[in-house]
N, C-alpha and C. Protein backbone atom coordinates (compact mmCIF):
# COMPACT_ATOMS: atom_id res chain seq x y z
N MET A 1 -8.59 9.26 -9.55
CA MET A 1 -7.37 9.24 -8.77
C MET A 1 -6.24 8.57 -9.55
N VAL A 2 -6.60 7.49 -10.28
CA VAL A 2 -5.58 6.81 -11.08
C VAL A 2 -4.99 7.77 -12.10
N ASP A 3 -5.85 8.56 -12.74
CA ASP A 3 -5.37 9.53 -13.72
C ASP A 3 -4.42 10.54 -13.07
N GLU A 4 -4.74 10.96 -11.87
CA GLU A 4 -3.87 11.92 -11.16
C GLU A 4 -2.50 11.31 -10.89
N ALA A 5 -2.48 10.04 -10.48
CA ALA A 5 -1.21 9.37 -10.14
C ALA A 5 -0.38 9.02 -11.36
N THR A 6 -1.03 8.85 -12.50
CA THR A 6 -0.33 8.36 -13.69
C THR A 6 -0.27 9.39 -14.82
N VAL A 7 -0.49 10.66 -14.50
CA VAL A 7 -0.62 11.69 -15.52
C VAL A 7 0.59 11.76 -16.46
N ASP A 8 1.80 11.59 -15.98
CA ASP A 8 2.98 11.67 -16.83
C ASP A 8 3.62 10.32 -17.06
N ALA A 9 2.88 9.25 -16.80
CA ALA A 9 3.43 7.89 -16.91
C ALA A 9 3.04 7.29 -18.26
N TYR A 10 4.02 6.68 -18.92
CA TYR A 10 3.76 6.10 -20.22
C TYR A 10 3.79 4.58 -20.19
N THR A 11 4.61 4.01 -19.33
CA THR A 11 4.70 2.56 -19.25
C THR A 11 4.00 2.07 -17.97
N GLU A 12 3.77 0.79 -17.90
CA GLU A 12 3.15 0.20 -16.72
C GLU A 12 4.02 0.41 -15.48
N ASP A 13 5.34 0.30 -15.64
CA ASP A 13 6.25 0.53 -14.51
C ASP A 13 6.15 1.97 -14.02
N GLU A 14 6.06 2.92 -14.92
CA GLU A 14 5.92 4.32 -14.52
C GLU A 14 4.59 4.56 -13.83
N GLN A 15 3.53 3.90 -14.31
CA GLN A 15 2.23 4.03 -13.66
C GLN A 15 2.27 3.46 -12.25
N LEU A 16 2.90 2.29 -12.10
CA LEU A 16 3.04 1.69 -10.77
C LEU A 16 3.81 2.62 -9.84
N THR A 17 4.87 3.22 -10.33
CA THR A 17 5.66 4.14 -9.52
C THR A 17 4.82 5.35 -9.11
N GLY A 18 4.01 5.85 -10.02
CA GLY A 18 3.13 6.98 -9.70
C GLY A 18 2.14 6.63 -8.61
N LEU A 19 1.54 5.45 -8.70
CA LEU A 19 0.59 5.02 -7.67
C LEU A 19 1.30 4.78 -6.35
N PHE A 20 2.48 4.16 -6.39
CA PHE A 20 3.25 3.95 -5.17
C PHE A 20 3.56 5.28 -4.50
N THR A 21 3.97 6.26 -5.27
CA THR A 21 4.31 7.57 -4.72
C THR A 21 3.10 8.19 -4.02
N MET A 22 1.94 8.09 -4.62
CA MET A 22 0.74 8.66 -4.01
C MET A 22 0.39 7.92 -2.71
N ILE A 23 0.52 6.60 -2.70
CA ILE A 23 0.26 5.85 -1.47
C ILE A 23 1.28 6.23 -0.41
N GLU A 24 2.54 6.24 -0.79
CA GLU A 24 3.61 6.54 0.17
C GLU A 24 3.43 7.94 0.78
N GLU A 25 3.04 8.91 -0.04
CA GLU A 25 2.90 10.28 0.44
C GLU A 25 1.62 10.52 1.23
N ASN A 26 0.58 9.71 1.00
CA ASN A 26 -0.72 10.01 1.59
C ASN A 26 -1.21 9.03 2.66
N LEU A 27 -0.67 7.82 2.69
CA LEU A 27 -1.14 6.83 3.66
C LEU A 27 -0.61 7.18 5.04
N ALA A 28 -1.50 7.32 6.00
CA ALA A 28 -1.13 7.67 7.37
C ALA A 28 -0.59 6.43 8.09
N VAL A 29 0.72 6.35 8.20
CA VAL A 29 1.36 5.25 8.91
C VAL A 29 2.08 5.81 10.13
N PRO A 30 2.26 5.04 11.17
CA PRO A 30 1.88 3.64 11.31
C PRO A 30 0.40 3.49 11.66
N PHE A 31 -0.12 2.29 11.38
CA PHE A 31 -1.46 1.90 11.81
C PHE A 31 -1.46 0.40 12.04
N ASN A 32 -2.42 -0.07 12.82
CA ASN A 32 -2.52 -1.50 13.11
C ASN A 32 -3.51 -2.16 12.17
N ALA A 33 -3.19 -3.37 11.78
CA ALA A 33 -4.06 -4.19 10.94
C ALA A 33 -3.97 -5.63 11.44
N THR A 34 -5.03 -6.37 11.25
CA THR A 34 -5.05 -7.77 11.66
C THR A 34 -4.94 -8.65 10.43
N VAL A 35 -3.91 -9.49 10.41
CA VAL A 35 -3.65 -10.39 9.29
C VAL A 35 -3.68 -11.82 9.83
N LEU A 36 -4.61 -12.62 9.31
CA LEU A 36 -4.77 -14.01 9.75
C LEU A 36 -4.88 -14.11 11.27
N GLY A 37 -5.63 -13.19 11.86
CA GLY A 37 -5.87 -13.20 13.29
C GLY A 37 -4.76 -12.63 14.14
N VAL A 38 -3.70 -12.11 13.53
CA VAL A 38 -2.57 -11.56 14.25
C VAL A 38 -2.51 -10.06 14.01
N GLU A 39 -2.48 -9.28 15.09
CA GLU A 39 -2.38 -7.83 14.93
C GLU A 39 -0.94 -7.43 14.66
N MET A 40 -0.77 -6.64 13.62
CA MET A 40 0.54 -6.15 13.20
C MET A 40 0.48 -4.64 13.06
N THR A 41 1.64 -4.02 13.05
CA THR A 41 1.73 -2.59 12.80
C THR A 41 2.31 -2.37 11.41
N VAL A 42 1.57 -1.66 10.59
CA VAL A 42 2.06 -1.29 9.27
C VAL A 42 2.94 -0.06 9.46
N ARG A 43 4.23 -0.20 9.18
CA ARG A 43 5.20 0.87 9.42
C ARG A 43 5.37 1.79 8.21
N ARG A 44 5.35 1.19 7.01
CA ARG A 44 5.52 1.98 5.79
C ARG A 44 5.19 1.11 4.59
N VAL A 45 5.24 1.69 3.41
CA VAL A 45 5.03 0.94 2.17
C VAL A 45 6.30 1.01 1.34
N ASP A 46 6.43 0.04 0.44
CA ASP A 46 7.62 -0.02 -0.40
C ASP A 46 7.24 -0.73 -1.70
N LEU A 47 8.12 -0.67 -2.69
CA LEU A 47 7.96 -1.45 -3.91
C LEU A 47 8.69 -2.76 -3.71
N GLY A 48 7.97 -3.86 -3.86
CA GLY A 48 8.58 -5.17 -3.68
C GLY A 48 9.40 -5.57 -4.90
N GLN A 49 10.25 -6.55 -4.69
CA GLN A 49 11.10 -7.08 -5.77
C GLN A 49 10.26 -7.64 -6.92
N ASP A 50 9.04 -8.09 -6.58
CA ASP A 50 8.18 -8.71 -7.58
C ASP A 50 7.28 -7.70 -8.32
N GLY A 51 7.51 -6.40 -8.10
CA GLY A 51 6.75 -5.39 -8.81
C GLY A 51 5.41 -5.05 -8.18
N ARG A 52 5.22 -5.42 -6.92
CA ARG A 52 3.99 -5.08 -6.21
C ARG A 52 4.30 -4.02 -5.16
N ILE A 53 3.27 -3.28 -4.78
CA ILE A 53 3.40 -2.39 -3.64
C ILE A 53 3.13 -3.23 -2.39
N VAL A 54 4.04 -3.15 -1.43
CA VAL A 54 3.92 -3.96 -0.22
C VAL A 54 3.88 -3.08 1.02
N ALA A 55 3.22 -3.61 2.05
CA ALA A 55 3.20 -2.98 3.36
C ALA A 55 4.28 -3.65 4.19
N LEU A 56 5.13 -2.86 4.81
CA LEU A 56 6.17 -3.39 5.69
C LEU A 56 5.60 -3.38 7.10
N CYS A 57 5.37 -4.58 7.63
CA CYS A 57 4.68 -4.75 8.90
C CYS A 57 5.62 -5.31 9.96
N SER A 58 5.26 -5.06 11.22
CA SER A 58 6.05 -5.61 12.31
C SER A 58 5.12 -6.02 13.45
N ARG A 59 5.61 -6.96 14.22
CA ARG A 59 4.97 -7.38 15.47
C ARG A 59 6.11 -7.78 16.39
N GLY A 60 6.37 -6.94 17.37
CA GLY A 60 7.54 -7.18 18.21
C GLY A 60 8.78 -7.16 17.33
N PRO A 61 9.64 -8.17 17.49
CA PRO A 61 10.87 -8.20 16.69
C PRO A 61 10.67 -8.76 15.27
N ASP A 62 9.49 -9.29 15.00
CA ASP A 62 9.23 -9.91 13.70
C ASP A 62 8.85 -8.87 12.66
N ARG A 63 9.34 -9.06 11.43
CA ARG A 63 9.05 -8.17 10.30
C ARG A 63 8.53 -9.00 9.13
N GLN A 64 7.60 -8.43 8.38
CA GLN A 64 7.06 -9.13 7.23
C GLN A 64 6.54 -8.13 6.21
N SER A 65 6.74 -8.45 4.94
CA SER A 65 6.16 -7.68 3.83
C SER A 65 4.89 -8.38 3.39
N ILE A 66 3.84 -7.60 3.21
CA ILE A 66 2.55 -8.14 2.77
C ILE A 66 2.08 -7.27 1.60
N GLY A 67 1.68 -7.91 0.52
CA GLY A 67 1.14 -7.15 -0.61
C GLY A 67 0.03 -6.23 -0.13
N ILE A 68 0.09 -4.97 -0.47
CA ILE A 68 -0.86 -3.98 0.03
C ILE A 68 -2.29 -4.35 -0.37
N LEU A 69 -2.46 -5.05 -1.49
CA LEU A 69 -3.80 -5.46 -1.90
C LEU A 69 -4.31 -6.64 -1.08
N ASP A 70 -3.41 -7.35 -0.39
CA ASP A 70 -3.79 -8.49 0.46
C ASP A 70 -3.97 -8.07 1.91
N LEU A 71 -3.67 -6.83 2.22
CA LEU A 71 -3.71 -6.35 3.60
C LEU A 71 -5.13 -5.92 3.96
N PRO A 72 -5.76 -6.58 4.95
CA PRO A 72 -7.08 -6.13 5.38
C PRO A 72 -6.97 -4.77 6.07
N MET A 73 -7.77 -3.82 5.62
CA MET A 73 -7.76 -2.49 6.22
C MET A 73 -8.58 -2.49 7.51
N PRO A 74 -8.07 -1.79 8.51
CA PRO A 74 -8.83 -1.68 9.76
C PRO A 74 -10.04 -0.76 9.55
N THR A 75 -10.96 -0.81 10.49
CA THR A 75 -12.10 0.10 10.48
C THR A 75 -11.99 0.98 11.71
N PRO A 76 -11.92 2.27 11.56
CA PRO A 76 -11.90 2.99 10.29
C PRO A 76 -10.54 2.87 9.61
N ALA A 77 -10.56 3.00 8.31
CA ALA A 77 -9.32 2.92 7.52
C ALA A 77 -8.46 4.15 7.80
N PRO A 78 -7.15 3.99 7.72
CA PRO A 78 -6.27 5.15 7.93
C PRO A 78 -6.43 6.17 6.82
N GLY A 79 -6.07 7.40 7.09
CA GLY A 79 -6.09 8.43 6.07
C GLY A 79 -5.24 8.00 4.88
N GLY A 80 -5.70 8.31 3.71
CA GLY A 80 -4.96 7.98 2.50
C GLY A 80 -5.25 6.59 1.96
N ALA A 81 -6.08 5.80 2.64
CA ALA A 81 -6.39 4.44 2.18
C ALA A 81 -7.10 4.44 0.83
N GLU A 82 -7.68 5.56 0.46
CA GLU A 82 -8.35 5.63 -0.84
C GLU A 82 -7.35 5.44 -1.99
N TRP A 83 -6.08 5.73 -1.75
CA TRP A 83 -5.06 5.51 -2.78
C TRP A 83 -4.80 4.02 -2.97
N ILE A 84 -4.98 3.23 -1.92
CA ILE A 84 -4.87 1.77 -2.07
C ILE A 84 -6.00 1.27 -2.95
N GLU A 85 -7.19 1.83 -2.76
CA GLU A 85 -8.33 1.44 -3.61
C GLU A 85 -8.10 1.86 -5.05
N ALA A 86 -7.46 3.00 -5.28
CA ALA A 86 -7.12 3.41 -6.64
C ALA A 86 -6.13 2.43 -7.26
N TYR A 87 -5.16 1.99 -6.47
CA TYR A 87 -4.18 0.99 -6.94
C TYR A 87 -4.90 -0.32 -7.26
N ARG A 88 -5.84 -0.72 -6.39
CA ARG A 88 -6.62 -1.95 -6.62
C ARG A 88 -7.37 -1.85 -7.94
N TYR A 89 -7.99 -0.71 -8.19
CA TYR A 89 -8.72 -0.49 -9.44
C TYR A 89 -7.76 -0.60 -10.63
N TRP A 90 -6.61 0.07 -10.55
CA TRP A 90 -5.62 0.04 -11.63
C TRP A 90 -5.10 -1.38 -11.87
N ALA A 91 -4.86 -2.13 -10.79
CA ALA A 91 -4.31 -3.48 -10.91
C ALA A 91 -5.33 -4.46 -11.49
N GLY A 92 -6.61 -4.07 -11.43
CA GLY A 92 -7.66 -4.91 -12.02
C GLY A 92 -8.01 -6.05 -11.16
C-alpha cells in the first residue's frame, strides 16, 4: 500500500502527501473514537503544521486535532483504516 501511495514521490514530503491523499480519499468519516475516555467524532483528516497527518475531532462545541497515529481506532475500524496502518508502517 505504501508503494501505491508513494509511486511518484521522490522526497519524504511528497511521500507524506501521497499517504495523506490516500487516507483522505479512503477513510470513511465521520466516525466515533474514544480518546482518554472521552468519545469524540472524527470529522476529517488534515496535514498538521508539524508535518503529521492529524484527525480533526469534535465533541459538542469543542474541536481538537489529534495525530492520526495516536488516535485509537474503534472496533470495528472504519473503512479505509488500513491506510492509517500503511502510514504507521511508513512512519516507522
